[in-house]
Amino acid sequence: MSTATYSVVGMTCGHCVNSVTEEVRQVPGVTDVSVDLATGGLAVSAVADVDDGAVRAAVEEAGYQVAEPANLLAGAGDQTSGCGCGCS
């Protein structure tokens, strides 16, 4: 079993968290998904190595982006343009 962590940009509500969770859970081999709205943190556990590309694609399918490491230090982009799920 392996675990990988990511930082997701653009989530602003519980619906956002649910969207990311549902999409990432569909990645083959994923056994657990934990999303923290306050930090944008995403932890993914899988039976084998986590498929990084598939997780990133699932986050994008949900309407969000995975922050690149350099962007994490710079504040991870513009989060003022509204909710990624379209609720605001």
PDB file of N, CA and C in Angstrom:
ATOM      1  N   MET A   1       0.851  -1.173   0.000  1.00  0.00           N
ATOM      2  CA  MET A   1       0.000   0.000   0.000  1.00  0.00           C
ATOM      3  C   MET A   1       0.895   1.234   0.000  1.00  0.00           C
ATOM      4  N   SER A   2       0.460   2.263  -0.721  1.00  0.00           N
ATOM      5  CA  SER A   2       1.212   3.522  -0.750  1.00  0.00           C
ATOM      6  C   SER A   2       0.250   4.686  -0.581  1.00  0.00           C
ATOM      7  N   THR A   3       0.803   5.798  -0.145  1.00  0.00           N
ATOM      8  CA  THR A   3       0.023   7.020   0.039  1.00  0.00           C
ATOM      9  C   THR A   3       0.763   8.172  -0.619  1.00  0.00           C
ATOM     10  N   ALA A   4       0.020   9.040  -1.299  1.00  0.00           N
ATOM     11  CA  ALA A   4       0.590  10.242  -1.915  1.00  0.00           C
ATOM     12  C   ALA A   4      -0.241  11.432  -1.473  1.00  0.00           C
ATOM     13  N   THR A   5       0.404  12.575  -1.346  1.00  0.00           N
ATOM     14  CA  THR A   5      -0.305  13.788  -0.946  1.00  0.00           C
ATOM     15  C   THR A   5      -0.173  14.850  -2.030  1.00  0.00           C
ATOM     16  N   TYR A   6      -1.198  15.671  -2.129  1.00  0.00           N
ATOM     17  CA  TYR A   6      -1.279  16.729  -3.133  1.00  0.00           C
ATOM     18  C   TYR A   6      -1.885  17.959  -2.485  1.00  0.00           C
ATOM     19  N   SER A   7      -1.779  19.081  -3.177  1.00  0.00           N
ATOM     20  CA  SER A   7      -2.467  20.299  -2.780  1.00  0.00           C
ATOM     21  C   SER A   7      -3.367  20.709  -3.937  1.00  0.00           C
ATOM     22  N   VAL A   8      -4.665  20.805  -3.642  1.00  0.00           N
ATOM     23  CA  VAL A   8      -5.659  21.122  -4.664  1.00  0.00           C
ATOM     24  C   VAL A   8      -6.031  22.598  -4.560  1.00  0.00           C
ATOM     25  N   VAL A   9      -6.045  23.273  -5.693  1.00  0.00           N
ATOM     26  CA  VAL A   9      -6.332  24.705  -5.759  1.00  0.00           C
ATOM     27  C   VAL A   9      -7.764  24.926  -6.233  1.00  0.00           C
ATOM     28  N   GLY A  10      -8.483  25.819  -5.541  1.00  0.00           N
ATOM     29  CA  GLY A  10      -9.789  26.260  -6.011  1.00  0.00           C
ATOM     30  C   GLY A  10     -10.978  25.750  -5.235  1.00  0.00           C
ATOM     31  N   MET A  11     -10.775  24.848  -4.277  1.00  0.00           N
ATOM     32  CA  MET A  11     -11.912  24.343  -3.507  1.00  0.00           C
ATOM     33  C   MET A  11     -12.329  25.390  -2.474  1.00  0.00           C
ATOM     34  N   THR A  12     -13.636  25.647  -2.397  1.00  0.00           N
ATOM     35  CA  THR A  12     -14.121  26.646  -1.444  1.00  0.00           C
ATOM     36  C   THR A  12     -15.296  26.172  -0.598  1.00  0.00           C
ATOM     37  N   CYS A  13     -15.792  24.958  -0.838  1.00  0.00           N
ATOM     38  CA  CYS A  13     -16.955  24.496  -0.083  1.00  0.00           C
ATOM     39  C   CYS A  13     -16.973  22.973   0.014  1.00  0.00           C
ATOM     40  N   GLY A  14     -17.932  22.463   0.767  1.00  0.00           N
ATOM     41  CA  GLY A  14     -18.078  21.026   0.937  1.00  0.00           C
ATOM     42  C   GLY A  14     -18.385  20.302  -0.361  1.00  0.00           C
ATOM     43  N   HIS A  15     -19.122  20.947  -1.255  1.00  0.00           N
ATOM     44  CA  HIS A  15     -19.422  20.332  -2.548  1.00  0.00           C
ATOM     45  C   HIS A  15     -18.134  20.123  -3.340  1.00  0.00           C
ATOM     46  N   CYS A  16     -17.222  21.066  -3.256  1.00  0.00           N
ATOM     47  CA  CYS A  16     -15.922  20.935  -3.919  1.00  0.00           C
ATOM     48  C   CYS A  16     -15.193  19.694  -3.402  1.00  0.00           C
ATOM     49  N   VAL A  17     -15.168  19.550  -2.083  1.00  0.00           N
ATOM     50  CA  VAL A  17     -14.511  18.407  -1.450  1.00  0.00           C
ATOM     51  C   VAL A  17     -15.139  17.109  -1.942  1.00  0.00           C
ATOM     52  N   ASN A  18     -16.469  17.062  -1.981  1.00  0.00           N
ATOM     53  CA  ASN A  18     -17.159  15.856  -2.437  1.00  0.00           C
ATOM     54  C   ASN A  18     -16.841  15.540  -3.892  1.00  0.00           C
ATOM     55  N   SER A  19     -16.777  16.558  -4.728  1.00  0.00           N
ATOM     56  CA  SER A  19     -16.475  16.345  -6.146  1.00  0.00           C
ATOM     57  C   SER A  19     -15.088  15.744  -6.327  1.00  0.00           C
ATOM     58  N   VAL A  20     -14.104  16.299  -5.642  1.00  0.00           N
ATOM     59  CA  VAL A  20     -12.731  15.787  -5.741  1.00  0.00           C
ATOM     60  C   VAL A  20     -12.677  14.363  -5.196  1.00  0.00           C
ATOM     61  N   THR A  21     -13.298  14.145  -4.043  1.00  0.00           N
ATOM     62  CA  THR A  21     -13.287  12.810  -3.429  1.00  0.00           C
ATOM     63  C   THR A  21     -13.889  11.773  -4.365  1.00  0.00           C
ATOM     64  N   GLU A  22     -15.042  12.068  -4.929  1.00  0.00           N
ATOM     65  CA  GLU A  22     -15.723  11.118  -5.810  1.00  0.00           C
ATOM     66  C   GLU A  22     -14.891  10.791  -7.048  1.00  0.00           C
ATOM     67  N   GLU A  23     -14.288  11.802  -7.668  1.00  0.00           N
ATOM     68  CA  GLU A  23     -13.488  11.562  -8.874  1.00  0.00           C
ATOM     69  C   GLU A  23     -12.234  10.754  -8.563  1.00  0.00           C
ATOM     70  N   VAL A  24     -11.546  11.097  -7.491  1.00  0.00           N
ATOM     71  CA  VAL A  24     -10.298  10.400  -7.159  1.00  0.00           C
ATOM     72  C   VAL A  24     -10.577   8.968  -6.724  1.00  0.00           C
ATOM     73  N   ARG A  25     -11.692   8.732  -6.054  1.00  0.00           N
ATOM     74  CA  ARG A  25     -12.045   7.360  -5.645  1.00  0.00           C
ATOM     75  C   ARG A  25     -12.227   6.435  -6.841  1.00  0.00           C
ATOM     76  N   GLN A  26     -12.517   6.994  -8.000  1.00  0.00           N
ATOM     77  CA  GLN A  26     -12.721   6.178  -9.202  1.00  0.00           C
ATOM     78  C   GLN A  26     -11.425   5.746  -9.861  1.00  0.00           C
ATOM     79  N   VAL A  27     -10.288   6.280  -9.407  1.00  0.00           N
ATOM     80  CA  VAL A  27      -8.994   5.884  -9.976  1.00  0.00           C
ATOM     81  C   VAL A  27      -8.727   4.437  -9.573  1.00  0.00           C
ATOM     82  N   PRO A  28      -8.422   3.569 -10.544  1.00  0.00           N
ATOM     83  CA  PRO A  28      -8.168   2.154 -10.229  1.00  0.00           C
ATOM     84  C   PRO A  28      -7.073   1.994  -9.173  1.00  0.00           C
ATOM     85  N   GLY A  29      -7.352   1.147  -8.183  1.00  0.00           N
ATOM     86  CA  GLY A  29      -6.395   0.848  -7.133  1.00  0.00           C
ATOM     87  C   GLY A  29      -6.500   1.731  -5.909  1.00  0.00           C
ATOM     88  N   VAL A  30      -7.205   2.851  -6.010  1.00  0.00           N
ATOM     89  CA  VAL A  30      -7.332   3.764  -4.876  1.00  0.00           C
ATOM     90  C   VAL A  30      -8.212   3.117  -3.809  1.00  0.00           C
ATOM     91  N   THR A  31      -7.718   3.124  -2.565  1.00  0.00           N
ATOM     92  CA  THR A  31      -8.448   2.521  -1.461  1.00  0.00           C
ATOM     93  C   THR A  31      -8.996   3.548  -0.473  1.00  0.00           C
ATOM     94  N   ASP A  32      -8.399   4.742  -0.430  1.00  0.00           N
ATOM     95  CA  ASP A  32      -8.861   5.769   0.497  1.00  0.00           C
ATOM     96  C   ASP A  32      -8.503   7.146  -0.036  1.00  0.00           C
ATOM     97  N   VAL A  33      -9.411   8.097   0.182  1.00  0.00           N
ATOM     98  CA  VAL A  33      -9.212   9.485  -0.233  1.00  0.00           C
ATOM     99  C   VAL A  33      -9.590  10.375   0.941  1.00  0.00           C
ATOM    100  N   SER A  34      -8.723  11.318   1.260  1.00  0.00           N
ATOM    101  CA  SER A  34      -9.011  12.277   2.322  1.00  0.00           C
ATOM    102  C   SER A  34      -8.715  13.669   1.793  1.00  0.00           C
ATOM    103  N   VAL A  35      -9.724  14.560   1.870  1.00  0.00           N
ATOM    104  CA  VAL A  35      -9.581  15.928   1.374  1.00  0.00           C
ATOM    105  C   VAL A  35      -9.820  16.892   2.535  1.00  0.00           C
ATOM    106  N   ASP A  36      -8.917  17.854   2.693  1.00  0.00           N
ATOM    107  CA  ASP A  36      -9.036  18.870   3.742  1.00  0.00           C
ATOM    108  C   ASP A  36      -9.327  20.213   3.078  1.00  0.00           C
ATOM    109  N   LEU A  37     -10.542  20.703   3.232  1.00  0.00           N
ATOM    110  CA  LEU A  37     -10.953  21.957   2.602  1.00  0.00           C
ATOM    111  C   LEU A  37     -10.094  23.128   3.066  1.00  0.00           C
ATOM    112  N   ALA A  38      -9.800  23.197   4.343  1.00  0.00           N
ATOM    113  CA  ALA A  38      -9.070  24.346   4.902  1.00  0.00           C
ATOM    114  C   ALA A  38      -7.674  24.494   4.313  1.00  0.00           C
ATOM    115  N   THR A  39      -7.003  23.394   4.066  1.00  0.00           N
ATOM    116  CA  THR A  39      -5.627  23.457   3.566  1.00  0.00           C
ATOM    117  C   THR A  39      -5.524  23.141   2.077  1.00  0.00           C
ATOM    118  N   GLY A  40      -6.575  22.550   1.497  1.00  0.00           N
ATOM    119  CA  GLY A  40      -6.506  22.095   0.114  1.00  0.00           C
ATOM    120  C   GLY A  40      -5.771  20.778  -0.013  1.00  0.00           C
ATOM    121  N   GLY A  41      -5.484  20.160   1.123  1.00  0.00           N
ATOM    122  CA  GLY A  41      -4.735  18.907   1.115  1.00  0.00           C
ATOM    123  C   GLY A  41      -5.559  17.736   0.607  1.00  0.00           C
ATOM    124  N   LEU A  42      -4.893  16.866  -0.141  1.00  0.00           N
ATOM    125  CA  LEU A  42      -5.499  15.654  -0.675  1.00  0.00           C
ATOM    126  C   LEU A  42      -4.540  14.510  -0.394  1.00  0.00           C
ATOM    127  N   ALA A  43      -4.992  13.508   0.344  1.00  0.00           N
ATOM    128  CA  ALA A  43      -4.188  12.312   0.605  1.00  0.00           C
ATOM    129  C   ALA A  43      -4.872  11.140  -0.078  1.00  0.00           C
ATOM    130  N   VAL A  44      -4.095  10.384  -0.851  1.00  0.00           N
ATOM    131  CA  VAL A  44      -4.632   9.268  -1.624  1.00  0.00           C
ATOM    132  C   VAL A  44      -3.853   8.012  -1.264  1.00  0.00           C
ATOM    133  N   SER A  45      -4.556   6.969  -0.849  1.00  0.00           N
ATOM    134  CA  SER A  45      -3.942   5.677  -0.576  1.00  0.00           C
ATOM    135  C   SER A  45      -4.365   4.702  -1.660  1.00  0.00           C
ATOM    136  N   ALA A  46      -3.453   3.822  -2.023  1.00  0.00           N
ATOM    137  CA  ALA A  46      -3.734   2.846  -3.080  1.00  0.00           C
ATOM    138  C   ALA A  46      -3.073   1.519  -2.735  1.00  0.00           C
ATOM    139  N   VAL A  47      -3.555   0.448  -3.373  1.00  0.00           N
ATOM    140  CA  VAL A  47      -3.018  -0.886  -3.112  1.00  0.00           C
ATOM    141  C   VAL A  47      -1.583  -1.016  -3.607  1.00  0.00           C
ATOM    142  N   ALA A  48      -1.218  -0.286  -4.638  1.00  0.00           N
ATOM    143  CA  ALA A  48       0.143  -0.268  -5.170  1.00  0.00           C
ATOM    144  C   ALA A  48       0.577   1.190  -5.212  1.00  0.00           C
ATOM    145  N   ASP A  49       1.589   1.506  -5.995  1.00  0.00           N
ATOM    146  CA  ASP A  49       1.993   2.904  -6.134  1.00  0.00           C
ATOM    147  C   ASP A  49       0.830   3.720  -6.673  1.00  0.00           C
ATOM    148  N   VAL A  50       0.632   4.899  -6.107  1.00  0.00           N
ATOM    149  CA  VAL A  50      -0.435   5.794  -6.558  1.00  0.00           C
ATOM    150  C   VAL A  50      -0.092   6.274  -7.966  1.00  0.00           C
ATOM    151  N   ASP A  51      -1.059   6.173  -8.875  1.00  0.00           N
ATOM    152  CA  ASP A  51      -0.879   6.644 -10.252  1.00  0.00           C
ATOM    153  C   ASP A  51      -1.044   8.158 -10.266  1.00  0.00           C
ATOM    154  N   ASP A  52       0.075   8.873 -10.204  1.00  0.00           N
ATOM    155  CA  ASP A  52       0.067  10.325 -10.106  1.00  0.00           C
ATOM    156  C   ASP A  52      -0.719  10.976 -11.244  1.00  0.00           C
ATOM    157  N   GLY A  53      -0.505  10.522 -12.452  1.00  0.00           N
ATOM    158  CA  GLY A  53      -1.202  11.094 -13.602  1.00  0.00           C
ATOM    159  C   GLY A  53      -2.704  10.901 -13.525  1.00  0.00           C
ATOM    160  N   ALA A  54      -3.126   9.736 -13.061  1.00  0.00           N
ATOM    161  CA  ALA A  54      -4.557   9.457 -12.947  1.00  0.00           C
ATOM    162  C   ALA A  54      -5.200  10.297 -11.850  1.00  0.00           C
ATOM    163  N   VAL A  55      -4.484  10.507 -10.751  1.00  0.00           N
ATOM    164  CA  VAL A  55      -5.015  11.336  -9.669  1.00  0.00           C
ATOM    165  C   VAL A  55      -5.150  12.773 -10.158  1.00  0.00           C
ATOM    166  N   ARG A  56      -4.119  13.283 -10.813  1.00  0.00           N
ATOM    167  CA  ARG A  56      -4.175  14.649 -11.338  1.00  0.00           C
ATOM    168  C   ARG A  56      -5.315  14.810 -12.346  1.00  0.00           C
ATOM    169  N   ALA A  57      -5.496  13.818 -13.209  1.00  0.00           N
ATOM    170  CA  ALA A  57      -6.585  13.869 -14.191  1.00  0.00           C
ATOM    171  C   ALA A  57      -7.945  13.852 -13.494  1.00  0.00           C
ATOM    172  N   ALA A  58      -8.075  13.085 -12.414  1.00  0.00           N
ATOM    173  CA  ALA A  58      -9.334  13.019 -11.676  1.00  0.00           C
ATOM    174  C   ALA A  58      -9.638  14.365 -11.014  1.00  0.00           C
ATOM    175  N   VAL A  59      -8.615  15.002 -10.456  1.00  0.00           N
ATOM    176  CA  VAL A  59      -8.809  16.316  -9.840  1.00  0.00           C
ATOM    177  C   VAL A  59      -9.256  17.318 -10.899  1.00  0.00           C
ATOM    178  N   GLU A  60      -8.628  17.270 -12.067  1.00  0.00           N
ATOM    179  CA  GLU A  60      -9.010  18.168 -13.160  1.00  0.00           C
ATOM    180  C   GLU A  60     -10.422  17.874 -13.649  1.00  0.00           C
ATOM    181  N   GLU A  61     -10.793  16.604 -13.688  1.00  0.00           N
ATOM    182  CA  GLU A  61     -12.148  16.223 -14.099  1.00  0.00           C
ATOM    183  C   GLU A  61     -13.182  16.805 -13.133  1.00  0.00           C
ATOM    184  N   ALA A  62     -12.807  16.911 -11.863  1.00  0.00           N
ATOM    185  CA  ALA A  62     -13.701  17.499 -10.859  1.00  0.00           C
ATOM    186  C   ALA A  62     -13.762  19.017 -10.980  1.00  0.00           C
ATOM    187  N   GLY A  63     -12.852  19.608 -11.760  1.00  0.00           N
ATOM    188  CA  GLY A  63     -12.883  21.048 -11.981  1.00  0.00           C
ATOM    189  C   GLY A  63     -11.834  21.844 -11.233  1.00  0.00           C
ATOM    190  N   TYR A  64     -10.790  21.174 -10.744  1.00  0.00           N
ATOM    191  CA  TYR A  64      -9.772  21.836  -9.929  1.00  0.00           C
ATOM    192  C   TYR A  64      -8.387  21.507 -10.481  1.00  0.00           C
ATOM    193  N   GLN A  65      -7.369  22.064  -9.838  1.00  0.00           N
ATOM    194  CA  GLN A  65      -5.997  21.830 -10.262  1.00  0.00           C
ATOM    195  C   GLN A  65      -5.173  21.361  -9.085  1.00  0.00           C
ATOM    196  N   VAL A  66      -4.180  20.530  -9.374  1.00  0.00           N
ATOM    197  CA  VAL A  66      -3.184  20.163  -8.382  1.00  0.00           C
ATOM    198  C   VAL A  66      -2.082  21.204  -8.479  1.00  0.00           C
ATOM    199  N   ALA A  67      -1.757  21.832  -7.357  1.00  0.00           N
ATOM    200  CA  ALA A  67      -0.715  22.856  -7.341  1.00  0.00           C
ATOM    201  C   ALA A  67       0.645  22.198  -7.508  1.00  0.00           C
ATOM    202  N   GLU A  68       1.471  22.804  -8.322  1.00  0.00           N
ATOM    203  CA  GLU A  68       2.837  22.333  -8.473  1.00  0.00           C
ATOM    204  C   GLU A  68       3.636  22.810  -7.260  1.00  0.00           C
ATOM    205  N   PRO A  69       4.680  22.086  -6.867  1.00  0.00           N
ATOM    206  CA  PRO A  69       5.436  22.445  -5.664  1.00  0.00           C
ATOM    207  C   PRO A  69       5.882  23.907  -5.621  1.00  0.00           C
ATOM    208  N   ALA A  70       6.335  24.476  -6.724  1.00  0.00           N
ATOM    209  CA  ALA A  70       6.773  25.871  -6.713  1.00  0.00           C
ATOM    210  C   ALA A  70       5.618  26.810  -6.407  1.00  0.00           C
ATOM    211  N   ASN A  71       4.409  26.470  -6.841  1.00  0.00           N
ATOM    212  CA  ASN A  71       3.233  27.303  -6.596  1.00  0.00           C
ATOM    213  C   ASN A  71       2.767  27.242  -5.147  1.00  0.00           C
ATOM    214  N   LEU A  72       3.094  26.165  -4.455  1.00  0.00           N
ATOM    215  CA  LEU A  72       2.683  26.043  -3.064  1.00  0.00           C
ATOM    216  C   LEU A  72       3.319  27.142  -2.223  1.00  0.00           C
ATOM    217  N   LEU A  73       4.565  27.467  -2.516  1.00  0.00           N
ATOM    218  CA  LEU A  73       5.253  28.499  -1.756  1.00  0.00           C
ATOM    219  C   LEU A  73       4.745  29.886  -2.114  1.00  0.00           C
ATOM    220  N   ALA A  74       4.225  30.048  -3.314  1.00  0.00           N
ATOM    221  CA  ALA A  74       3.773  31.357  -3.781  1.00  0.00           C
ATOM    222  C   ALA A  74       2.289  31.593  -3.527  1.00  0.00           C
ATOM    223  N   GLY A  75       1.605  30.673  -2.867  1.00  0.00           N
ATOM    224  CA  GLY A  75       0.195  30.880  -2.551  1.00  0.00           C
ATOM    225  C   GLY A  75      -0.747  30.126  -3.456  1.00  0.00           C
ATOM    226  N   ALA A  76      -0.243  29.346  -4.384  1.00  0.00           N
ATOM    227  CA  ALA A  76      -1.029  28.421  -5.200  1.00  0.00           C
ATOM    228  C   ALA A  76      -2.099  29.082  -6.053  1.00  0.00           C
ATOM    229  N   GLY A  77      -1.822  30.229  -6.596  1.00  0.00           N
ATOM    230  CA  GLY A  77      -2.712  30.773  -7.613  1.00  0.00           C
ATOM    231  C   GLY A  77      -3.881  31.566  -7.078  1.00  0.00           C
ATOM    232  N   ASP A  78      -4.732  31.985  -8.000  1.00  0.00           N
ATOM    233  CA  ASP A  78      -5.863  32.842  -7.690  1.00  0.00           C
ATOM    234  C   ASP A  78      -7.052  32.018  -7.236  1.00  0.00           C
ATOM    235  N   GLN A  79      -7.441  32.182  -5.991  1.00  0.00           N
ATOM    236  CA  GLN A  79      -8.606  31.479  -5.481  1.00  0.00           C
ATOM    237  C   GLN A  79      -9.771  32.430  -5.275  1.00  0.00           C
ATOM    238  N   THR A  80      -9.675  33.640  -5.839  1.00  0.00           N
ATOM    239  CA  THR A  80     -10.726  34.622  -5.615  1.00  0.00           C
ATOM    240  C   THR A  80     -11.759  34.645  -6.728  1.00  0.00           C
ATOM    241  N   SER A  81     -11.578  33.851  -7.762  1.00  0.00           N
ATOM    242  CA  SER A  81     -12.473  33.904  -8.906  1.00  0.00           C
ATOM    243  C   SER A  81     -13.737  33.100  -8.726  1.00  0.00           C
ATOM    244  N   GLY A  82     -13.966  32.528  -7.561  1.00  0.00           N
ATOM    245  CA  GLY A  82     -15.191  31.789  -7.323  1.00  0.00           C
ATOM    246  C   GLY A  82     -14.930  30.312  -7.149  1.00  0.00           C
ATOM    247  N   CYS A  83     -15.951  29.633  -6.780  1.00  0.00           N
ATOM    248  CA  CYS A  83     -15.879  28.224  -6.475  1.00  0.00           C
ATOM    249  C   CYS A  83     -15.762  27.401  -7.751  1.00  0.00           C
ATOM    250  N   GLY A  84     -14.893  26.409  -7.739  1.00  0.00           N
ATOM    251  CA  GLY A  84     -14.717  25.544  -8.894  1.00  0.00           C
ATOM    252  C   GLY A  84     -15.942  24.718  -9.218  1.00  0.00           C
ATOM    253  N   CYS A  85     -16.805  24.490  -8.239  1.00  0.00           N
ATOM    254  CA  CYS A  85     -18.000  23.673  -8.485  1.00  0.00           C
ATOM    255  C   CYS A  85     -19.146  24.521  -9.028  1.00  0.00           C
ATOM    256  N   GLY A  86     -18.959  25.852  -9.035  1.00  0.00           N
ATOM    257  CA  GLY A  86     -19.969  26.730  -9.602  1.00  0.00           C
ATOM    258  C   GLY A  86     -21.061  27.157  -8.643  1.00  0.00           C
ATOM    259  N   CYS A  87     -20.895  26.868  -7.347  1.00  0.00           N
ATOM    260  CA  CYS A  87     -21.958  27.209  -6.391  1.00  0.00           C
ATOM    261  C   CYS A  87     -21.961  28.668  -5.987  1.00  0.00           C
ATOM    262  N   SER A  88     -20.824  29.382  -6.231  1.00  0.00           N
ATOM    263  CA  SER A  88     -20.827  30.775  -5.790  1.00  0.00           C
ATOM    264  C   SER A  88     -20.838  31.749  -6.928  1.00  0.00           C
TER     265      SER A  88
END
